[in-house]
Amino acid sequence: MTLPKAEAEPERYRGRPLLIVLESYVLAALGYLSPEQDASLRAIVQRVFGGDDDWMGTVRQRLKLLDSLDESLRGMWALHTVVALDAGIELAPMQFAKMIVDSEFAHLVGPPPS
């Protein structure tokens, strides 16, 4: 299993700001987004997409994502952490967020910069 880096990768986001929003969404759904990060994302989403304090609801609505997304992400996280542990790997929440966004939301964020 090849994992993405657990730390920030500024080049990863160049020209793809939605990538940050979606990765943060995954982290928030799992309970790994700090209150400061949550407030920052709320402000960004409101500025770009409008909406109210429920920035995650706004993202789901604007990107036409299912209301059950959060529950699905939590289920995938539980499964992926068990698979990783069985392989002797500790999966960090950020690594999982990057993997999920790359596999499930690639059509929204586009290819990585070359």
Protein backbone atom coordinates (compact mmCIF):
# COMPACT_ATOMS: atom_id res chain seq x y z
CA MET A 1 0.00 0.00 0.00
CA THR A 2 1.53 3.34 -1.07
CA LEU A 3 0.41 6.17 1.15
CA PRO A 4 0.45 9.91 0.51
CA LYS A 5 2.45 12.09 2.88
CA ALA A 6 0.82 12.92 6.20
CA GLU A 7 2.17 16.47 6.13
CA ALA A 8 1.34 19.50 4.02
CA GLU A 9 2.34 19.44 0.36
CA PRO A 10 1.90 22.98 -1.03
CA GLU A 11 2.63 21.87 -4.60
CA ARG A 12 -0.28 19.42 -4.37
CA TYR A 13 -2.78 22.28 -4.06
CA ARG A 14 -1.38 24.63 -6.69
CA GLY A 15 -4.24 25.54 -9.02
CA ARG A 16 -6.64 23.21 -7.17
CA PRO A 17 -8.10 25.10 -4.19
CA LEU A 18 -11.11 22.78 -4.00
CA LEU A 19 -8.69 20.02 -2.99
CA ILE A 20 -8.08 21.76 0.35
CA VAL A 21 -11.82 22.14 0.96
CA LEU A 22 -12.52 18.47 0.20
CA GLU A 23 -9.64 17.15 2.29
CA SER A 24 -10.78 19.38 5.15
CA TYR A 25 -14.32 18.09 4.67
CA VAL A 26 -13.08 14.51 5.11
CA LEU A 27 -11.12 15.48 8.23
CA ALA A 28 -14.15 17.31 9.66
CA ALA A 29 -16.44 14.34 9.02
CA LEU A 30 -13.99 12.16 10.97
CA GLY A 31 -13.63 14.67 13.82
CA TYR A 32 -10.00 15.60 13.02
CA LEU A 33 -10.46 19.26 12.06
CA SER A 34 -9.54 21.73 14.79
CA PRO A 35 -12.00 24.47 15.78
CA GLU A 36 -9.66 27.03 14.19
CA GLN A 37 -9.49 25.08 10.93
CA ASP A 38 -13.27 24.65 10.99
CA ALA A 39 -13.78 28.40 11.38
CA SER A 40 -11.35 29.08 8.56
CA LEU A 41 -13.11 26.63 6.24
CA ARG A 42 -16.50 28.07 7.13
CA ALA A 43 -15.28 31.54 6.14
CA ILE A 44 -13.75 30.28 2.88
CA VAL A 45 -16.83 28.28 1.88
CA GLN A 46 -19.17 31.17 2.71
CA ARG A 47 -17.03 33.56 0.67
CA VAL A 48 -16.83 31.24 -2.35
CA PHE A 49 -20.15 29.36 -2.25
CA GLY A 50 -22.34 31.37 0.10
CA GLY A 51 -24.40 29.45 2.61
CA ASP A 52 -24.70 29.59 6.35
CA ASP A 53 -22.60 28.29 9.25
CA ASP A 54 -23.03 24.69 8.05
CA TRP A 55 -20.14 24.84 5.59
CA MET A 56 -20.19 21.08 5.11
CA GLY A 57 -23.85 21.21 4.11
CA THR A 58 -23.05 24.00 1.68
CA VAL A 59 -20.24 21.94 0.13
CA ARG A 60 -22.55 18.92 -0.22
CA GLN A 61 -25.25 21.05 -1.82
CA ARG A 62 -22.99 22.96 -4.23
CA LEU A 63 -21.06 19.87 -5.34
CA LYS A 64 -24.20 17.70 -5.45
CA LEU A 65 -22.88 15.22 -2.89
CA LEU A 66 -25.11 12.85 -0.94
CA ASP A 67 -26.29 13.80 2.54
CA SER A 68 -24.99 10.39 3.69
CA LEU A 69 -21.41 11.32 2.74
CA ASP A 70 -20.22 11.88 6.32
CA GLU A 71 -21.46 8.47 7.42
CA SER A 72 -19.86 6.84 4.37
CA LEU A 73 -16.53 8.55 5.11
CA ARG A 74 -16.59 7.33 8.71
CA GLY A 75 -17.26 3.78 7.51
CA MET A 76 -14.42 3.94 4.99
CA TRP A 77 -12.09 5.34 7.67
CA ALA A 78 -12.91 2.45 10.01
CA LEU A 79 -12.26 -0.08 7.25
CA HIS A 80 -9.06 1.54 5.97
CA THR A 81 -7.53 1.84 9.44
CA VAL A 82 -8.11 -1.88 10.09
CA VAL A 83 -6.64 -2.84 6.71
CA ALA A 84 -3.64 -0.60 7.34
CA LEU A 85 -3.06 -1.99 10.83
CA ASP A 86 -3.27 -5.54 9.47
CA ALA A 87 -0.51 -4.54 7.04
CA GLY A 88 1.55 -3.06 9.90
CA ILE A 89 0.90 0.53 8.83
CA GLU A 90 -0.46 3.36 10.93
CA LEU A 91 -2.77 5.42 8.72
CA ALA A 92 -2.88 9.12 9.61
CA PRO A 93 -6.19 10.97 9.10
CA MET A 94 -4.56 13.35 6.58
CA GLN A 95 -3.23 10.43 4.55
CA PHE A 96 -6.72 8.95 4.45
CA ALA A 97 -8.22 12.31 3.45
CA LYS A 98 -5.77 12.65 0.56
CA MET A 99 -6.40 9.07 -0.59
CA ILE A 100 -10.18 9.48 -0.54
CA VAL A 101 -10.18 12.83 -2.31
CA ASP A 102 -7.76 11.52 -4.94
CA SER A 103 -9.86 8.43 -5.60
CA GLU A 104 -13.43 9.60 -5.04
CA PHE A 105 -13.35 13.28 -5.99
CA ALA A 106 -10.74 13.43 -8.76
CA HIS A 107 -13.46 14.45 -11.22
CA LEU A 108 -14.05 17.60 -9.13
CA VAL A 109 -10.48 18.69 -8.45
CA GLY A 110 -8.71 17.81 -11.68
CA PRO A 111 -5.27 16.30 -12.20
CA PRO A 112 -2.24 17.25 -10.15
CA PRO A 113 -0.12 20.06 -11.60
CA SER A 114 2.71 18.91 -13.83
